[in-house]
Amino acid sequence: MDLLLWRHAEAEDGTPDSQRRLTPRGEKQAQRMAAWLKTHAPKDMRIVASPARRCQQTAQALGLPFETDPRQAPGSNVTDLLAAIHWPSSCGGKRNAILIVGHQPTLGQAAALLLSGSEADWPIKKGALWWLLLSTRAGRTQAELRLAISSERL
């Protein structure tokens, strides 16, 4: 299974938190990463976004249908993120792909757990993408980091 973790692009400060919009810089970050994803991401990818406005705007930059999942909202945890992707049962059988558009610290904590076996506060920059390959072999689940890139590096 390909799991792509895309942190929302730069957003304005303010309240309520759920209504914060992307800044002009954030809109450019989202567009740049979306263009890259359209060329490089797996086809038929399931896209799941936080209901927060900044994540919705980031996901909309792709111009593809996506789901909104409240389990990805600010303040969610790794357990919520993994439940949304049906981990580890999603790794069996045919290869599939899921793109999560979400928040820190949850995305970094999920990456840390899947790659190292323990949850930690790994930083993921605003607008950046981490691409993991998750698999199950002989009853063991494992993850491999395929790519970690910020929109500024594209």
C-alpha atoms as a PDB file:
ATOM      1  CA  MET A   1       0.000   0.000   0.000  1.00  0.00           C
ATOM      2  CA  ASP A   2       1.221   3.473  -0.837  1.00  0.00           C
ATOM      3  CA  LEU A   3       0.495   5.952   1.941  1.00  0.00           C
ATOM      4  CA  LEU A   4       1.097   9.588   1.086  1.00  0.00           C
ATOM      5  CA  LEU A   5       1.035  12.074   3.947  1.00  0.00           C
ATOM      6  CA  TRP A   6       0.543  15.665   2.745  1.00  0.00           C
ATOM      7  CA  ARG A   7       0.619  18.392   5.338  1.00  0.00           C
ATOM      8  CA  HIS A   8      -1.664  21.306   4.517  1.00  0.00           C
ATOM      9  CA  ALA A   9       0.038  24.310   2.996  1.00  0.00           C
ATOM     10  CA  GLU A  10       0.763  27.537   4.865  1.00  0.00           C
ATOM     11  CA  ALA A  11      -2.355  29.061   6.433  1.00  0.00           C
ATOM     12  CA  GLU A  12      -3.334  32.362   7.991  1.00  0.00           C
ATOM     13  CA  ASP A  13      -3.303  32.791  11.739  1.00  0.00           C
ATOM     14  CA  GLY A  14      -6.628  33.259  13.469  1.00  0.00           C
ATOM     15  CA  THR A  15      -9.673  31.694  14.990  1.00  0.00           C
ATOM     16  CA  PRO A  16     -11.622  29.608  14.747  1.00  0.00           C
ATOM     17  CA  ASP A  17      -8.814  27.216  13.872  1.00  0.00           C
ATOM     18  CA  SER A  18     -11.027  25.101  11.608  1.00  0.00           C
ATOM     19  CA  GLN A  19     -11.733  28.112   9.349  1.00  0.00           C
ATOM     20  CA  ARG A  20      -8.153  29.271   8.743  1.00  0.00           C
ATOM     21  CA  ARG A  21      -7.526  29.792   5.009  1.00  0.00           C
ATOM     22  CA  LEU A  22      -4.373  29.293   2.981  1.00  0.00           C
ATOM     23  CA  THR A  23      -2.148  32.315   2.526  1.00  0.00           C
ATOM     24  CA  PRO A  24      -1.154  33.305  -1.022  1.00  0.00           C
ATOM     25  CA  ARG A  25       2.146  31.506  -0.360  1.00  0.00           C
ATOM     26  CA  GLY A  26       0.188  28.470   0.844  1.00  0.00           C
ATOM     27  CA  GLU A  27      -1.902  28.468  -2.328  1.00  0.00           C
ATOM     28  CA  LYS A  28       1.315  28.373  -4.378  1.00  0.00           C
ATOM     29  CA  GLN A  29       2.684  25.534  -2.201  1.00  0.00           C
ATOM     30  CA  ALA A  30      -0.502  23.532  -2.703  1.00  0.00           C
ATOM     31  CA  GLN A  31      -0.540  24.122  -6.470  1.00  0.00           C
ATOM     32  CA  ARG A  32       3.132  23.154  -6.823  1.00  0.00           C
ATOM     33  CA  MET A  33       2.701  19.891  -4.888  1.00  0.00           C
ATOM     34  CA  ALA A  34      -0.585  19.118  -6.648  1.00  0.00           C
ATOM     35  CA  ALA A  35       1.094  19.440 -10.047  1.00  0.00           C
ATOM     36  CA  TRP A  36       3.842  17.075  -8.902  1.00  0.00           C
ATOM     37  CA  LEU A  37       1.328  14.582  -7.487  1.00  0.00           C
ATOM     38  CA  LYS A  38      -0.682  14.533 -10.713  1.00  0.00           C
ATOM     39  CA  THR A  39       2.442  13.386 -12.543  1.00  0.00           C
ATOM     40  CA  HIS A  40       3.992  11.032  -9.962  1.00  0.00           C
ATOM     41  CA  ALA A  41       1.320   9.704  -7.581  1.00  0.00           C
ATOM     42  CA  PRO A  42      -0.335   6.326  -8.117  1.00  0.00           C
ATOM     43  CA  LYS A  43      -3.471   6.376 -10.218  1.00  0.00           C
ATOM     44  CA  ASP A  44      -6.826   5.567  -8.585  1.00  0.00           C
ATOM     45  CA  MET A  45      -5.576   6.965  -5.313  1.00  0.00           C
ATOM     46  CA  ARG A  46      -8.069   7.431  -2.483  1.00  0.00           C
ATOM     47  CA  ILE A  47      -7.768  10.973  -1.119  1.00  0.00           C
ATOM     48  CA  VAL A  48      -8.838  11.733   2.456  1.00  0.00           C
ATOM     49  CA  ALA A  49      -8.702  15.259   3.900  1.00  0.00           C
ATOM     50  CA  SER A  50      -9.268  16.878   7.253  1.00  0.00           C
ATOM     51  CA  PRO A  51     -12.430  18.993   7.457  1.00  0.00           C
ATOM     52  CA  ALA A  52     -10.300  22.060   8.335  1.00  0.00           C
ATOM     53  CA  ARG A  53     -10.585  24.699   5.617  1.00  0.00           C
ATOM     54  CA  ARG A  54      -6.802  24.817   5.009  1.00  0.00           C
ATOM     55  CA  CYS A  55      -6.737  21.050   4.329  1.00  0.00           C
ATOM     56  CA  GLN A  56      -9.801  21.262   2.115  1.00  0.00           C
ATOM     57  CA  GLN A  57      -8.122  24.021   0.069  1.00  0.00           C
ATOM     58  CA  THR A  58      -4.878  22.026  -0.126  1.00  0.00           C
ATOM     59  CA  ALA A  59      -6.738  18.928  -1.355  1.00  0.00           C
ATOM     60  CA  GLN A  60      -8.794  20.988  -3.832  1.00  0.00           C
ATOM     61  CA  ALA A  61      -5.564  22.042  -5.555  1.00  0.00           C
ATOM     62  CA  LEU A  62      -5.445  18.507  -7.005  1.00  0.00           C
ATOM     63  CA  GLY A  63      -8.731  18.983  -8.829  1.00  0.00           C
ATOM     64  CA  LEU A  64      -9.707  15.407  -7.951  1.00  0.00           C
ATOM     65  CA  PRO A  65     -12.563  14.021  -5.843  1.00  0.00           C
ATOM     66  CA  PHE A  66     -11.685  13.514  -2.185  1.00  0.00           C
ATOM     67  CA  GLU A  67     -13.323  12.414   1.044  1.00  0.00           C
ATOM     68  CA  THR A  68     -13.546  14.523   4.172  1.00  0.00           C
ATOM     69  CA  ASP A  69     -12.918  12.539   7.336  1.00  0.00           C
ATOM     70  CA  PRO A  70     -13.427  14.130  10.778  1.00  0.00           C
ATOM     71  CA  ARG A  71     -10.846  11.673  12.172  1.00  0.00           C
ATOM     72  CA  GLN A  72      -8.210  13.813  10.408  1.00  0.00           C
ATOM     73  CA  ALA A  73      -9.265  17.092  12.076  1.00  0.00           C
ATOM     74  CA  PRO A  74      -6.840  19.169  14.151  1.00  0.00           C
ATOM     75  CA  GLY A  75      -6.247  17.437  17.458  1.00  0.00           C
ATOM     76  CA  SER A  76      -6.721  13.951  16.041  1.00  0.00           C
ATOM     77  CA  ASN A  77      -4.216  11.245  16.851  1.00  0.00           C
ATOM     78  CA  VAL A  78      -2.324   8.473  15.114  1.00  0.00           C
ATOM     79  CA  THR A  79      -4.972   5.903  16.035  1.00  0.00           C
ATOM     80  CA  ASP A  80      -7.570   8.027  14.197  1.00  0.00           C
ATOM     81  CA  LEU A  81      -5.340   8.361  11.134  1.00  0.00           C
ATOM     82  CA  LEU A  82      -4.637   4.620  10.982  1.00  0.00           C
ATOM     83  CA  ALA A  83      -8.353   3.823  11.423  1.00  0.00           C
ATOM     84  CA  ALA A  84      -9.171   6.053   8.452  1.00  0.00           C
ATOM     85  CA  ILE A  85      -6.828   4.067   6.216  1.00  0.00           C
ATOM     86  CA  HIS A  86      -7.850   0.699   7.717  1.00  0.00           C
ATOM     87  CA  TRP A  87      -4.250  -0.117   8.692  1.00  0.00           C
ATOM     88  CA  PRO A  88      -2.966  -2.845   8.748  1.00  0.00           C
ATOM     89  CA  SER A  89      -5.743  -4.705   6.908  1.00  0.00           C
ATOM     90  CA  SER A  90      -5.330  -2.343   3.938  1.00  0.00           C
ATOM     91  CA  CYS A  91      -1.896  -3.846   3.202  1.00  0.00           C
ATOM     92  CA  GLY A  92      -3.136  -7.267   2.197  1.00  0.00           C
ATOM     93  CA  GLY A  93      -3.872  -8.287  -1.374  1.00  0.00           C
ATOM     94  CA  LYS A  94      -3.624  -5.851  -4.255  1.00  0.00           C
ATOM     95  CA  ARG A  95      -1.616  -2.682  -3.984  1.00  0.00           C
ATOM     96  CA  ASN A  96      -3.631   0.435  -3.290  1.00  0.00           C
ATOM     97  CA  ALA A  97      -2.850   4.058  -2.521  1.00  0.00           C
ATOM     98  CA  ILE A  98      -4.181   6.580  -0.033  1.00  0.00           C
ATOM     99  CA  LEU A  99      -3.319  10.263   0.256  1.00  0.00           C
ATOM    100  CA  ILE A 100      -4.031  11.880   3.622  1.00  0.00           C
ATOM    101  CA  VAL A 101      -4.177  15.688   3.701  1.00  0.00           C
ATOM    102  CA  GLY A 102      -3.794  16.575   7.339  1.00  0.00           C
ATOM    103  CA  HIS A 103      -2.016  18.236  10.230  1.00  0.00           C
ATOM    104  CA  GLN A 104       0.972  18.189  12.473  1.00  0.00           C
ATOM    105  CA  PRO A 105       1.794  16.657  14.849  1.00  0.00           C
ATOM    106  CA  THR A 106      -0.384  13.714  13.758  1.00  0.00           C
ATOM    107  CA  LEU A 107       1.228  13.186  10.340  1.00  0.00           C
ATOM    108  CA  GLY A 108       4.745  13.215  11.778  1.00  0.00           C
ATOM    109  CA  GLN A 109       3.734  10.918  14.634  1.00  0.00           C
ATOM    110  CA  ALA A 110       2.179   8.467  12.169  1.00  0.00           C
ATOM    111  CA  ALA A 111       5.315   8.499   9.991  1.00  0.00           C
ATOM    112  CA  ALA A 112       7.475   7.891  13.066  1.00  0.00           C
ATOM    113  CA  LEU A 113       5.314   4.999  14.253  1.00  0.00           C
ATOM    114  CA  LEU A 114       5.151   3.295  10.872  1.00  0.00           C
ATOM    115  CA  LEU A 115       8.842   3.748  10.030  1.00  0.00           C
ATOM    116  CA  SER A 116      10.486   3.280  13.439  1.00  0.00           C
ATOM    117  CA  GLY A 117       7.954   1.330  15.460  1.00  0.00           C
ATOM    118  CA  SER A 118       7.385   4.054  18.034  1.00  0.00           C
ATOM    119  CA  GLU A 119       5.456   7.276  17.997  1.00  0.00           C
ATOM    120  CA  ALA A 120       7.582  10.438  18.074  1.00  0.00           C
ATOM    121  CA  ASP A 121       7.155  14.067  17.070  1.00  0.00           C
ATOM    122  CA  TRP A 122       8.797  14.048  13.641  1.00  0.00           C
ATOM    123  CA  PRO A 123       8.485  17.375  11.821  1.00  0.00           C
ATOM    124  CA  ILE A 124       6.773  17.638   8.449  1.00  0.00           C
ATOM    125  CA  LYS A 125       6.925  21.100   6.880  1.00  0.00           C
ATOM    126  CA  LYS A 126       3.798  22.918   5.748  1.00  0.00           C
ATOM    127  CA  GLY A 127       2.943  21.830   2.213  1.00  0.00           C
ATOM    128  CA  ALA A 128       5.395  18.890   2.315  1.00  0.00           C
ATOM    129  CA  LEU A 129       4.727  15.294   1.286  1.00  0.00           C
ATOM    130  CA  TRP A 130       5.982  12.046   2.802  1.00  0.00           C
ATOM    131  CA  TRP A 131       5.394   8.895   0.716  1.00  0.00           C
ATOM    132  CA  LEU A 132       5.552   5.549   2.503  1.00  0.00           C
ATOM    133  CA  LEU A 133       5.256   2.052   1.109  1.00  0.00           C
ATOM    134  CA  LEU A 134       3.489  -0.197   3.629  1.00  0.00           C
ATOM    135  CA  SER A 135       3.451  -3.969   3.316  1.00  0.00           C
ATOM    136  CA  THR A 136       2.875  -7.150   5.248  1.00  0.00           C
ATOM    137  CA  ARG A 137       5.247 -10.076   4.738  1.00  0.00           C
ATOM    138  CA  ALA A 138       5.156 -13.304   6.705  1.00  0.00           C
ATOM    139  CA  GLY A 139       2.791 -11.707   9.203  1.00  0.00           C
ATOM    140  CA  ARG A 140       5.080  -8.707   9.793  1.00  0.00           C
ATOM    141  CA  THR A 141       4.080  -5.222   8.827  1.00  0.00           C
ATOM    142  CA  GLN A 142       6.785  -2.925   7.585  1.00  0.00           C
ATOM    143  CA  ALA A 143       7.136   0.529   6.116  1.00  0.00           C
ATOM    144  CA  GLU A 144       9.639   2.035   3.733  1.00  0.00           C
ATOM    145  CA  LEU A 145      10.111   5.749   3.130  1.00  0.00           C
ATOM    146  CA  ARG A 146       9.968   6.324  -0.615  1.00  0.00           C
ATOM    147  CA  LEU A 147      10.086  10.124  -0.586  1.00  0.00           C
ATOM    148  CA  ALA A 148       9.992  13.133   1.715  1.00  0.00           C
ATOM    149  CA  ILE A 149       9.908  16.483  -0.074  1.00  0.00           C
ATOM    150  CA  SER A 150       8.766  20.045   0.504  1.00  0.00           C
ATOM    151  CA  SER A 151       6.930  21.995  -2.151  1.00  0.00           C
ATOM    152  CA  GLU A 152       9.864  24.427  -2.311  1.00  0.00           C
ATOM    153  CA  ARG A 153      12.114  21.615  -3.599  1.00  0.00           C
ATOM    154  CA  LEU A 154       9.916  20.842  -6.599  1.00  0.00           C
END
